[in-house]
Amino acid sequence: MAQPCDPKSHANSAFAPHDHAGCAASTLHRAQEVAQEKGARLTPVRQRALEILLEEHRAMGAYEVLDRLAADGFGNQPPVAYRALEFLVENGLAHRVRRLNAFAACMRPGEDHAPVFLICRDCGEVAEAGADEVRSALLAAAARHNFTVERATVEALGLCPRCAQTPEAEA
């Protein structure tokens, strides 16, 4: 049986076979705990937005999330999605993937981390990889310049293992 995804483990990344339903459920459960610990209210629309982001390992644009929210009866005005996504990002339950102008569920809610996003240019899947070494190097470089890093995100574009094996990828 495939294991739930664990972004700390290379073997259990979003690009490897895993129990995605378990992955999404455990991440949602942890996100609910984090929101409660922070005293942040995970309203039905905010929770549904997070559930939508957790359905696949890919980033989604705000209007795609809005369409899904509207289909579920949460209204079709852009502020509905933007406010929910902003709440999720501000509370560490989702990340903004700037390269794609999109959002992805945080796979490590409640943990102090600086994620690296591995974005497949073919299928659009996104893996949130742990980046302790990258973070250490960045903080050391910043310290040499007396700079305080408040937030950092690294995004890498390439091919996931599945897409790298296709003939089109080799062309």
Protein backbone atom coordinates (compact mmCIF):
# COMPACT_ATOMS: atom_id res chain seq x y z
CA MET A 1 0.00 0.00 0.00
CA ALA A 2 1.32 3.44 -0.91
CA GLN A 3 2.26 5.75 1.95
CA PRO A 4 0.76 9.19 2.58
CA CYS A 5 2.96 11.89 1.09
CA ASP A 6 5.64 13.34 3.33
CA PRO A 7 7.42 16.37 1.82
CA LYS A 8 10.43 15.66 4.05
CA SER A 9 10.95 12.33 2.34
CA HIS A 10 12.11 12.18 -1.28
CA ALA A 11 10.58 8.71 -1.65
CA ASN A 12 7.14 10.00 -0.70
CA SER A 13 7.07 13.19 -2.78
CA ALA A 14 4.07 14.28 -4.82
CA PHE A 15 5.80 12.83 -7.88
CA ALA A 16 5.98 9.33 -6.37
CA PRO A 17 3.05 6.92 -6.03
CA HIS A 18 1.36 7.46 -2.68
CA ASP A 19 -2.00 7.34 -0.93
CA HIS A 20 -3.17 10.77 -2.03
CA ALA A 21 -6.50 10.55 -0.21
CA GLY A 22 -4.59 9.88 3.01
CA CYS A 23 -2.13 12.61 2.11
CA ALA A 24 -4.90 15.18 1.64
CA ALA A 25 -6.84 14.05 4.71
CA SER A 26 -3.84 14.17 7.05
CA THR A 27 -2.77 17.57 5.70
CA LEU A 28 -6.31 18.94 6.10
CA HIS A 29 -6.50 17.58 9.64
CA ARG A 30 -3.17 19.20 10.53
CA ALA A 31 -4.28 22.49 8.92
CA GLN A 32 -7.43 22.45 11.05
CA GLU A 33 -5.31 21.93 14.17
CA VAL A 34 -2.95 24.76 13.18
CA ALA A 35 -5.86 27.15 12.59
CA GLN A 36 -7.34 26.24 15.98
CA GLU A 37 -3.96 26.67 17.73
CA LYS A 38 -3.64 30.14 16.18
CA GLY A 39 -7.20 31.07 17.05
CA ALA A 40 -7.90 31.53 13.34
CA ARG A 41 -11.37 30.64 12.14
CA LEU A 42 -11.41 28.10 9.33
CA THR A 43 -14.85 29.03 7.96
CA PRO A 44 -16.66 26.68 5.57
CA VAL A 45 -15.52 28.66 2.51
CA ARG A 46 -11.90 28.75 3.73
CA GLN A 47 -11.93 25.03 4.49
CA ARG A 48 -13.49 24.23 1.10
CA ALA A 49 -10.84 26.35 -0.65
CA LEU A 50 -8.16 24.35 1.14
CA GLU A 51 -9.86 21.07 0.26
CA ILE A 52 -9.92 22.14 -3.40
CA LEU A 53 -6.18 22.91 -3.28
CA LEU A 54 -5.52 19.54 -1.66
CA GLU A 55 -7.35 17.54 -4.33
CA GLU A 56 -4.30 17.43 -6.59
CA HIS A 57 -0.62 18.15 -6.32
CA ARG A 58 -0.73 21.24 -8.46
CA ALA A 59 -1.15 24.94 -8.04
CA MET A 60 -4.49 26.51 -8.91
CA GLY A 61 -5.35 30.02 -9.97
CA ALA A 62 -7.79 32.04 -7.90
CA TYR A 63 -10.43 31.96 -10.63
CA GLU A 64 -10.22 28.17 -10.87
CA VAL A 65 -10.74 27.99 -7.10
CA LEU A 66 -13.59 30.53 -7.43
CA ASP A 67 -15.32 28.40 -10.09
CA ARG A 68 -15.14 25.36 -7.82
CA LEU A 69 -16.39 27.36 -4.81
CA ALA A 70 -19.27 28.76 -6.87
CA ALA A 71 -20.21 25.23 -8.00
CA ASP A 72 -20.37 24.30 -4.32
CA GLY A 73 -22.71 27.23 -3.54
CA PHE A 74 -20.22 29.69 -2.03
CA GLY A 75 -20.86 32.53 -4.47
CA ASN A 76 -19.15 33.60 -7.66
CA GLN A 77 -17.64 36.97 -6.77
CA PRO A 78 -13.81 37.10 -6.95
CA PRO A 79 -13.42 38.42 -3.38
CA VAL A 80 -14.86 35.11 -2.11
CA ALA A 81 -11.87 33.16 -3.46
CA TYR A 82 -9.27 35.87 -2.90
CA ARG A 83 -10.20 36.35 0.76
CA ALA A 84 -10.21 32.61 1.42
CA LEU A 85 -6.84 32.13 -0.33
CA GLU A 86 -5.34 35.16 1.42
CA PHE A 87 -6.42 33.73 4.78
CA LEU A 88 -4.87 30.36 3.93
CA VAL A 89 -1.57 31.95 2.89
CA GLU A 90 -1.43 34.31 5.89
CA ASN A 91 -1.96 31.39 8.25
CA GLY A 92 0.58 29.08 6.63
CA LEU A 93 -2.01 26.69 5.23
CA ALA A 94 -1.29 27.47 1.57
CA HIS A 95 1.49 29.03 -0.49
CA ARG A 96 1.44 31.43 -3.37
CA VAL A 97 3.37 30.03 -6.32
CA ARG A 98 4.38 33.25 -8.00
CA ARG A 99 5.72 31.76 -11.23
CA LEU A 100 2.28 30.33 -11.93
CA ASN A 101 0.27 33.16 -10.32
CA ALA A 102 -1.45 30.40 -8.41
CA PHE A 103 -1.86 28.81 -4.99
CA ALA A 104 -0.92 25.41 -3.59
CA ALA A 105 -1.86 23.81 -0.32
CA CYS A 106 0.94 23.80 2.23
CA MET A 107 1.97 20.21 2.80
CA ARG A 108 3.67 21.10 6.11
CA PRO A 109 1.14 23.33 7.92
CA GLY A 110 2.32 24.58 11.28
CA GLU A 111 6.00 23.94 10.56
CA ASP A 112 8.54 26.73 10.21
CA HIS A 113 9.86 26.07 6.74
CA ALA A 114 10.90 27.74 3.52
CA PRO A 115 9.53 25.54 0.75
CA VAL A 116 11.04 24.83 -2.60
CA PHE A 117 8.41 24.28 -5.28
CA LEU A 118 9.28 21.78 -7.98
CA ILE A 119 6.99 22.62 -10.90
CA CYS A 120 6.61 20.22 -13.83
CA ARG A 121 6.45 22.27 -17.02
CA ASP A 122 4.50 19.51 -18.82
CA CYS A 123 1.79 18.23 -16.48
CA GLY A 124 1.71 21.14 -14.04
CA GLU A 125 2.12 19.03 -10.90
CA VAL A 126 3.80 20.83 -8.04
CA ALA A 127 5.79 19.20 -5.26
CA GLU A 128 6.60 21.11 -2.10
CA ALA A 129 10.06 19.98 -1.15
CA GLY A 130 11.80 20.59 2.13
CA ALA A 131 14.66 22.99 1.70
CA ASP A 132 16.62 23.14 4.93
CA GLU A 133 19.95 23.32 3.06
CA VAL A 134 18.69 26.09 0.77
CA ARG A 135 17.29 28.00 3.73
CA SER A 136 20.57 27.70 5.65
CA ALA A 137 22.55 28.96 2.68
CA LEU A 138 20.14 31.85 2.12
CA LEU A 139 20.22 32.90 5.78
CA ALA A 140 24.02 32.72 5.83
CA ALA A 141 24.25 34.86 2.67
CA ALA A 142 21.78 37.37 4.13
CA ALA A 143 23.69 37.50 7.44
CA ARG A 144 26.89 38.42 5.58
CA HIS A 145 25.00 41.51 4.35
CA ASN A 146 23.29 42.23 7.69
CA PHE A 147 19.99 41.48 5.98
CA THR A 148 17.04 39.91 7.79
CA VAL A 149 15.03 37.49 5.65
CA GLU A 150 11.34 37.66 6.43
CA ARG A 151 10.06 35.36 3.71
CA ALA A 152 11.63 33.38 0.89
CA THR A 153 10.26 31.03 -1.72
CA VAL A 154 12.25 29.07 -4.28
CA GLU A 155 10.52 27.80 -7.42
CA ALA A 156 12.17 25.38 -9.84
CA LEU A 157 10.75 24.55 -13.27
CA GLY A 158 11.53 21.22 -14.88
CA LEU A 159 10.10 17.78 -15.52
CA CYS A 160 8.60 15.34 -13.04
CA PRO A 161 9.79 11.71 -13.29
CA ARG A 162 6.70 10.66 -15.31
CA CYS A 163 6.98 13.48 -17.86
CA ALA A 164 10.77 13.12 -18.15
CA GLN A 165 10.22 9.59 -19.45
CA THR A 166 7.93 10.61 -22.30
CA PRO A 167 9.37 10.94 -25.83
CA GLU A 168 8.08 14.54 -26.12
CA ALA A 169 10.22 15.54 -23.12
CA GLU A 170 13.38 14.34 -24.83
CA ALA A 171 12.78 16.48 -27.94
